[in-house]
C-alpha atoms as a PDB file:
ATOM      1  CA  MET A   1      86.048  45.176  52.173  1.00  0.00           C
ATOM      2  CA  ASP A   2      85.738  48.816  53.168  1.00  0.00           C
ATOM      3  CA  PHE A   3      88.850  48.321  55.315  1.00  0.00           C
ATOM      4  CA  LEU A   4      90.902  47.266  52.260  1.00  0.00           C
ATOM      5  CA  ILE A   5      89.594  50.168  50.181  1.00  0.00           C
ATOM      6  CA  ASP A   6      90.432  52.607  52.962  1.00  0.00           C
ATOM      7  CA  LEU A   7      93.861  51.025  53.444  1.00  0.00           C
ATOM      8  CA  TYR A   8      94.601  51.217  49.732  1.00  0.00           C
ATOM      9  CA  SER A   9      93.456  54.808  49.421  1.00  0.00           C
ATOM     10  CA  THR A  10      95.660  55.943  52.316  1.00  0.00           C
ATOM     11  CA  GLN A  11      98.613  53.539  52.107  1.00  0.00           C
ATOM     12  CA  PRO A  12      98.809  51.435  48.894  1.00  0.00           C
ATOM     13  CA  PHE A  13     102.342  50.454  49.912  1.00  0.00           C
ATOM     14  CA  TRP A  14     101.034  48.247  52.739  1.00  0.00           C
ATOM     15  CA  LEU A  15      98.530  46.470  50.501  1.00  0.00           C
ATOM     16  CA  TRP A  16     101.180  45.607  47.912  1.00  0.00           C
ATOM     17  CA  LEU A  17     103.605  44.606  50.643  1.00  0.00           C
ATOM     18  CA  ALA A  18     100.945  42.297  52.080  1.00  0.00           C
ATOM     19  CA  VAL A  19     100.426  40.727  48.640  1.00  0.00           C
ATOM     20  CA  ALA A  20     104.187  40.186  48.378  1.00  0.00           C
ATOM     21  CA  VAL A  21     104.393  38.606  51.837  1.00  0.00           C
ATOM     22  CA  VAL A  22     101.405  36.318  51.204  1.00  0.00           C
ATOM     23  CA  LEU A  23     102.846  35.158  47.857  1.00  0.00           C
ATOM     24  CA  LEU A  24     106.250  34.613  49.436  1.00  0.00           C
ATOM     25  CA  ALA A  25     104.709  32.655  52.321  1.00  0.00           C
ATOM     26  CA  ILE A  26     102.810  30.412  49.908  1.00  0.00           C
ATOM     27  CA  GLU A  27     105.992  29.910  47.897  1.00  0.00           C
ATOM     28  CA  ALA A  28     107.993  29.040  51.009  1.00  0.00           C
ATOM     29  CA  SER A  29     105.403  26.550  52.213  1.00  0.00           C
ATOM     30  CA  LEU A  30     104.742  24.842  48.867  1.00  0.00           C
ATOM     31  CA  SER A  31     108.103  25.262  47.104  1.00  0.00           C
ATOM     32  CA  THR A  32     106.448  25.649  43.719  1.00  0.00           C
ATOM     33  CA  GLU A  33     109.120  27.992  42.305  1.00  0.00           C
ATOM     34  CA  TRP A  34     106.300  29.798  40.469  1.00  0.00           C
ATOM     35  CA  LEU A  35     105.343  32.384  43.073  1.00  0.00           C
ATOM     36  CA  LEU A  36     108.770  33.791  43.857  1.00  0.00           C
ATOM     37  CA  TRP A  37     108.839  36.283  40.998  1.00  0.00           C
ATOM     38  CA  PRO A  38     105.256  37.509  41.481  1.00  0.00           C
ATOM     39  CA  ALA A  39     106.173  38.102  45.142  1.00  0.00           C
ATOM     40  CA  VAL A  40     109.226  40.103  44.069  1.00  0.00           C
ATOM     41  CA  ALA A  41     107.105  42.039  41.554  1.00  0.00           C
ATOM     42  CA  ALA A  42     104.562  42.875  44.282  1.00  0.00           C
ATOM     43  CA  GLY A  43     107.412  44.089  46.479  1.00  0.00           C
ATOM     44  CA  VAL A  44     108.723  46.308  43.683  1.00  0.00           C
ATOM     45  CA  VAL A  45     105.224  47.729  43.124  1.00  0.00           C
ATOM     46  CA  ALA A  46     105.005  48.384  46.873  1.00  0.00           C
ATOM     47  CA  VAL A  47     108.225  50.406  46.724  1.00  0.00           C
ATOM     48  CA  LEU A  48     107.050  52.257  43.598  1.00  0.00           C
ATOM     49  CA  THR A  49     103.765  53.208  45.294  1.00  0.00           C
ATOM     50  CA  ALA A  50     105.673  54.391  48.349  1.00  0.00           C
ATOM     51  CA  ILE A  51     107.718  56.792  46.209  1.00  0.00           C
ATOM     52  CA  GLY A  52     104.617  57.974  44.374  1.00  0.00           C
ATOM     53  CA  LEU A  53     103.835  55.904  41.272  1.00  0.00           C
ATOM     54  CA  PRO A  54     101.211  57.941  39.417  1.00  0.00           C
ATOM     55  CA  GLY A  55      98.108  56.435  37.850  1.00  0.00           C
ATOM     56  CA  GLY A  56      96.322  54.546  40.583  1.00  0.00           C
ATOM     57  CA  LEU A  57      95.353  50.912  40.951  1.00  0.00           C
ATOM     58  CA  LEU A  58      95.113  50.039  37.232  1.00  0.00           C
ATOM     59  CA  VAL A  59      98.652  51.277  36.564  1.00  0.00           C
ATOM     60  CA  GLU A  60      99.929  49.394  39.609  1.00  0.00           C
ATOM     61  CA  ILE A  61      98.268  46.170  38.450  1.00  0.00           C
ATOM     62  CA  ALA A  62      99.730  46.642  34.957  1.00  0.00           C
ATOM     63  CA  VAL A  63     103.222  47.246  36.386  1.00  0.00           C
ATOM     64  CA  PHE A  64     102.815  44.175  38.609  1.00  0.00           C
ATOM     65  CA  ALA A  65     101.759  42.015  35.630  1.00  0.00           C
ATOM     66  CA  VAL A  66     104.592  43.227  33.391  1.00  0.00           C
ATOM     67  CA  LEU A  67     107.215  42.802  36.122  1.00  0.00           C
ATOM     68  CA  THR A  68     105.927  39.307  36.906  1.00  0.00           C
ATOM     69  CA  ILE A  69     106.104  38.191  33.282  1.00  0.00           C
ATOM     70  CA  VAL A  70     109.503  39.753  32.602  1.00  0.00           C
ATOM     71  CA  ALA A  71     111.048  38.422  35.825  1.00  0.00           C
ATOM     72  CA  THR A  72     109.673  34.921  35.260  1.00  0.00           C
ATOM     73  CA  VAL A  73     110.901  34.713  31.651  1.00  0.00           C
ATOM     74  CA  LEU A  74     114.344  36.132  32.448  1.00  0.00           C
ATOM     75  CA  SER A  75     114.792  33.925  35.490  1.00  0.00           C
ATOM     76  CA  SER A  76     113.898  30.755  33.578  1.00  0.00           C
ATOM     77  CA  ARG A  77     116.503  31.610  30.937  1.00  0.00           C
ATOM     78  CA  LEU A  78     119.078  32.401  33.593  1.00  0.00           C
ATOM     79  CA  ILE A  79     118.397  29.192  35.497  1.00  0.00           C
ATOM     80  CA  LYS A  80     118.753  27.097  32.330  1.00  0.00           C
ATOM     81  CA  ARG A  81     122.082  28.772  31.533  1.00  0.00           C
ATOM     82  CA  VAL A  82     123.510  28.692  35.054  1.00  0.00           C
ATOM     83  CA  ASN A  83     122.131  25.311  36.074  1.00  0.00           C
ATOM     84  CA  PRO A  84     121.813  23.096  32.975  1.00  0.00           C
ATOM     85  CA  PRO A  85     119.835  19.887  33.371  1.00  0.00           C
ATOM     86  CA  GLU A  86     121.962  16.907  34.315  1.00  0.00           C
ATOM     87  CA  PRO A  87     121.304  13.239  33.744  1.00  0.00           C
ATOM     88  CA  ASP A  88     119.318  11.479  36.422  1.00  0.00           C
ATOM     89  CA  ILE A  89     121.580  10.587  39.349  1.00  0.00           C
ATOM     90  CA  ASN A  90     120.098   7.102  39.336  1.00  0.00           C
ATOM     91  CA  ALA A  91     120.834   6.529  35.628  1.00  0.00           C
ATOM     92  CA  ARG A  92     124.166   4.771  36.018  1.00  0.00           C
ATOM     93  CA  ASP A  93     124.550   4.060  32.310  1.00  0.00           C
ATOM     94  CA  HIS A  94     124.884   7.808  31.521  1.00  0.00           C
ATOM     95  CA  ARG A  95     127.848   8.065  33.868  1.00  0.00           C
ATOM     96  CA  LEU A  96     129.660   5.111  32.298  1.00  0.00           C
ATOM     97  CA  ILE A  97     130.571   6.961  29.099  1.00  0.00           C
ATOM     98  CA  GLY A  98     134.259   7.844  29.138  1.00  0.00           C
ATOM     99  CA  GLN A  99     135.123   5.491  31.994  1.00  0.00           C
ATOM    100  CA  SER A 100     137.791   2.804  31.798  1.00  0.00           C
ATOM    101  CA  ALA A 101     136.643  -0.794  31.870  1.00  0.00           C
ATOM    102  CA  ARG A 102     138.478  -4.100  32.232  1.00  0.00           C
ATOM    103  CA  VAL A 103     137.791  -6.935  29.797  1.00  0.00           C
ATOM    104  CA  VAL A 104     136.597 -10.005  31.737  1.00  0.00           C
ATOM    105  CA  GLN A 105     135.654 -12.195  28.772  1.00  0.00           C
ATOM    106  CA  PRO A 106     137.742 -12.055  25.576  1.00  0.00           C
ATOM    107  CA  PHE A 107     136.075 -10.443  22.582  1.00  0.00           C
ATOM    108  CA  VAL A 108     134.980 -12.856  19.860  1.00  0.00           C
ATOM    109  CA  ASN A 109     133.550 -11.404  16.641  1.00  0.00           C
ATOM    110  CA  GLY A 110     133.557  -7.978  18.271  1.00  0.00           C
ATOM    111  CA  ARG A 111     131.551  -9.079  21.338  1.00  0.00           C
ATOM    112  CA  GLY A 112     132.658  -9.703  24.908  1.00  0.00           C
ATOM    113  CA  ARG A 113     132.137  -8.683  28.522  1.00  0.00           C
ATOM    114  CA  VAL A 114     133.673  -5.864  30.534  1.00  0.00           C
ATOM    115  CA  PHE A 115     133.747  -4.878  34.194  1.00  0.00           C
ATOM    116  CA  VAL A 116     133.066  -1.232  34.978  1.00  0.00           C
ATOM    117  CA  SER A 117     131.526   0.644  37.878  1.00  0.00           C
ATOM    118  CA  GLY A 118     131.170  -2.463  40.005  1.00  0.00           C
ATOM    119  CA  ALA A 119     129.298  -4.596  37.455  1.00  0.00           C
ATOM    120  CA  GLU A 120     129.836  -6.741  34.385  1.00  0.00           C
ATOM    121  CA  TRP A 121     128.332  -5.578  31.116  1.00  0.00           C
ATOM    122  CA  ASN A 122     127.902  -7.042  27.643  1.00  0.00           C
ATOM    123  CA  ALA A 123     130.092  -5.060  25.285  1.00  0.00           C
ATOM    124  CA  VAL A 124     130.696  -4.604  21.590  1.00  0.00           C
ATOM    125  CA  LEU A 125     133.715  -3.042  19.939  1.00  0.00           C
ATOM    126  CA  ALA A 126     133.162   0.387  18.452  1.00  0.00           C
ATOM    127  CA  THR A 127     133.286   0.424  14.655  1.00  0.00           C
ATOM    128  CA  GLU A 128     136.776   1.985  14.477  1.00  0.00           C
ATOM    129  CA  ALA A 129     138.195  -0.897  16.554  1.00  0.00           C
ATOM    130  CA  ALA A 130     136.181  -3.739  15.038  1.00  0.00           C
ATOM    131  CA  GLY A 131     139.213  -5.639  13.726  1.00  0.00           C
ATOM    132  CA  ARG A 132     141.123  -5.718  17.025  1.00  0.00           C
ATOM    133  CA  ALA A 133     141.264  -8.677  19.352  1.00  0.00           C
ATOM    134  CA  LEU A 134     140.897  -7.998  23.060  1.00  0.00           C
ATOM    135  CA  ALA A 135     141.948 -10.486  25.722  1.00  0.00           C
ATOM    136  CA  ALA A 136     140.969 -10.727  29.365  1.00  0.00           C
ATOM    137  CA  ASP A 137     142.401  -7.944  31.571  1.00  0.00           C
ATOM    138  CA  ASP A 138     142.821  -5.527  28.630  1.00  0.00           C
ATOM    139  CA  THR A 139     141.620  -2.010  29.314  1.00  0.00           C
ATOM    140  CA  VAL A 140     138.939  -0.349  27.200  1.00  0.00           C
ATOM    141  CA  THR A 141     137.054   2.943  27.282  1.00  0.00           C
ATOM    142  CA  VAL A 142     133.266   3.075  27.240  1.00  0.00           C
ATOM    143  CA  GLN A 143     132.092   5.092  24.207  1.00  0.00           C
ATOM    144  CA  ALA A 144     128.318   4.616  24.325  1.00  0.00           C
ATOM    145  CA  TYR A 145     125.561   2.426  25.673  1.00  0.00           C
ATOM    146  CA  ASP A 146     122.518   0.841  24.142  1.00  0.00           C
ATOM    147  CA  GLY A 147     120.203  -0.867  26.602  1.00  0.00           C
ATOM    148  CA  GLY A 148     122.362  -3.342  28.501  1.00  0.00           C
ATOM    149  CA  THR A 149     125.241  -3.323  26.013  1.00  0.00           C
ATOM    150  CA  LEU A 150     128.216  -0.973  26.086  1.00  0.00           C
ATOM    151  CA  SER A 151     130.166   0.119  23.023  1.00  0.00           C
ATOM    152  CA  VAL A 152     133.866   0.173  23.880  1.00  0.00           C
ATOM    153  CA  SER A 153     137.151   1.000  22.216  1.00  0.00           C
ATOM    154  CA  PRO A 154     140.627  -0.268  23.136  1.00  0.00           C
ATOM    155  CA  ARG A 155     142.723   1.994  25.290  1.00  0.00           C
ATOM    156  CA  ASP A 156     146.121   2.705  23.824  1.00  0.00           C
END
């Protein structure tokens, strides 16, 4: 412990740099995405101590804490804006909306079957097209899904 106290008193830069490297190593090995910004904050504090940040250890810890919080909050907002969440790649029904489908069973009373994305689906006509009759091989557009049933509208 005396070694760390002596190291800090003579070269606080190296102590903060070591904290940054340890946090970055843990982040790289675990991929938590939580320790990146504290590692950056420790690196910034290391640079600030090297150029002569006044106030001692308590000021350095306060600067580290503030930088960590600010960087984490700003990065989470930036990540949400730059990389918005997308539907699950395995959720095929989300990707069906807007696709063209071929009628495989004529619609009777607004219900029929369509072929889209390599599979047949139960389908109902969307409310704006409820009065139309659709025959086999007509083309429709998928408007929505509900469980295993697609809502479709005729393609003009």
